[in-house]
Each structure stands twice: as structure tokens, then as C-alpha cells.
Protein backbone atom coordinates (compact mmCIF):
# COMPACT_ATOMS: atom_id res chain seq x y z
CA MET A 1 67.42 62.12 -208.21
CA LYS A 2 70.93 60.75 -207.63
CA ASN A 3 72.44 63.41 -209.90
CA TYR A 4 70.72 66.15 -207.86
CA ASN A 5 72.14 64.66 -204.65
CA GLN A 6 75.64 64.61 -206.14
CA GLN A 7 75.30 68.25 -207.19
CA GLU A 8 74.27 69.23 -203.67
CA GLN A 9 77.18 67.26 -202.18
CA TYR A 10 79.54 68.97 -204.62
CA LYS A 11 78.22 72.43 -203.71
CA GLN A 12 78.55 71.66 -200.00
CA ALA A 13 82.10 70.29 -200.42
CA LYS A 14 83.11 73.31 -202.50
CA LYS A 15 81.72 75.66 -199.85
CA GLU A 16 83.66 73.82 -197.12
CA VAL A 17 86.89 73.95 -199.13
CA LYS A 18 86.46 77.73 -199.58
CA LYS A 19 86.07 78.17 -195.82
CA ILE A 20 89.20 76.11 -195.14
CA LYS A 21 91.18 77.96 -197.81
CA SER A 22 90.04 81.29 -196.38
CA PHE A 23 91.30 80.30 -192.93
CA TYR A 24 94.70 79.17 -194.22
CA ILE A 25 95.15 82.46 -196.11
CA HIS A 26 94.12 84.42 -193.01
CA PHE A 27 96.57 82.45 -190.86
CA ALA A 28 99.43 82.83 -193.37
CA VAL A 29 98.93 86.61 -193.55
CA TYR A 30 98.81 86.71 -189.74
CA LEU A 31 102.14 84.86 -189.48
CA VAL A 32 103.87 86.93 -192.16
CA LEU A 33 102.75 90.28 -190.79
CA ASN A 34 103.50 89.38 -187.19
CA THR A 35 106.97 88.21 -188.20
CA TYR A 36 107.52 91.47 -190.05
CA MET A 37 106.24 93.52 -187.11
CA ALA A 38 108.48 91.63 -184.67
CA ILE A 39 111.58 92.14 -186.83
CA HIS A 40 110.73 95.78 -187.48
CA SER A 41 110.09 96.44 -183.79
CA PHE A 42 113.33 94.68 -182.80
CA ILE A 43 115.38 96.76 -185.21
CA PHE A 44 113.94 100.08 -184.07
CA ASP A 45 112.96 99.46 -180.43
CA GLY A 46 114.76 96.33 -179.25
CA PHE A 47 113.11 93.59 -177.23
CA ASP A 48 110.65 95.97 -175.56
CA GLY A 49 109.34 96.95 -178.97
CA VAL A 50 108.92 93.32 -179.96
CA ARG A 51 106.99 92.57 -176.79
CA ASN A 52 104.73 95.59 -177.23
CA SER A 53 104.21 94.85 -180.91
CA LEU A 54 103.32 91.21 -180.36
CA ILE A 55 101.00 92.01 -177.48
CA GLY A 56 99.25 94.85 -179.24
CA PHE A 57 99.20 93.57 -182.78
CA GLY A 58 99.64 89.83 -182.50
CA LEU A 59 97.49 89.04 -179.50
CA PHE A 60 94.36 90.83 -180.61
CA TRP A 61 94.59 89.68 -184.20
CA GLY A 62 95.42 86.21 -182.86
CA ILE A 63 92.11 86.19 -181.02
CA GLY A 64 90.40 86.87 -184.34
CA VAL A 65 92.40 84.08 -186.01
CA PHE A 66 91.40 81.71 -183.21
CA PHE A 67 87.70 82.44 -183.70
CA HIS A 68 88.11 82.02 -187.46
CA TRP A 69 89.79 78.64 -186.83
CA TYR A 70 87.01 77.64 -184.44
CA GLY A 71 84.38 78.60 -187.00
CA VAL A 72 86.03 76.42 -189.62
CA PHE A 73 87.46 73.47 -187.62
CA GLY A 74 86.51 73.86 -183.97
CA LYS A 75 83.17 72.11 -183.87
CA ASN A 76 84.50 69.08 -185.71
CA PHE A 77 88.10 69.36 -184.74
CA ILE A 78 89.49 65.87 -184.49
CA PHE A 79 87.58 62.61 -184.65
CA ASP A 80 83.86 63.24 -185.01
CA LYS A 81 81.36 61.22 -187.07
CA HIS A 82 81.83 63.43 -190.12
CA TRP A 83 85.58 62.83 -190.02
CA GLU A 84 85.04 59.05 -189.72
CA LYS A 85 82.70 58.95 -192.72
CA LYS A 86 85.01 61.12 -194.79
CA LYS A 87 88.06 59.01 -193.92
CA ILE A 88 86.24 55.75 -194.67
CA LYS A 89 85.14 57.10 -198.06
CA GLU A 90 88.67 58.35 -198.77
CA LEU A 91 90.18 54.95 -197.99
CA MET A 92 87.54 53.12 -200.00
CA ASP A 93 88.18 55.38 -202.99
CA LYS A 94 91.92 54.86 -202.61
CA ASN A 95 91.52 51.07 -202.54
CA THR A 96 89.25 51.01 -205.60
CA ASN A 97 91.74 53.09 -207.61
CA LEU A 98 94.60 50.63 -207.01
């Protein structure tokens, strides 16, 4: 029975890690492409182009990034019970490995 529980915990942890990784990739692509768009717009259209590019491209995609972040971290953002349990386990594991 314990082995089954560990397998379920592993599957759940793996699923959570995939969600977090997916968000970080999404956010990195967002930053890179918005930086590119800002530089490109500045070169060809000056500051007005940058403003228009960041409002049109960055703002609306940024709303999508925000909702992705909220889906991954928002509900349990800082110091909830899950975080406390995870941190306690992490510290206990760290102390036993010393």
C-alpha cells in the first residue's frame, strides 16, 4: 500500500513540475519576443513604435501570461499549508542527509 502511495505522490509531483516548467518557458518566450519587438519597433518607428508594439503585443500576451501564472502559482502563491508542509519536508530531508 505504501508503494502505491509513493507512486501517486511521484505522479502528482511530476505533473506539478511540468506545469511549472511550462509556465517558465512561456514567460521566457514572452520576454524574448517582447524585447525583440521593442528593439525592432524602436529601430524602424522610434519611441512611438515601441509604445504601440508593447501595448498591442505585450499587453495582451501579458494578460495571457498572467492567467497562466495564476493557474500555476496564484492559488498557492506564497505561504499556504502546502508550502509549509513542503518546506518542512525539504528541511527534514536536508538535515537527514548531513
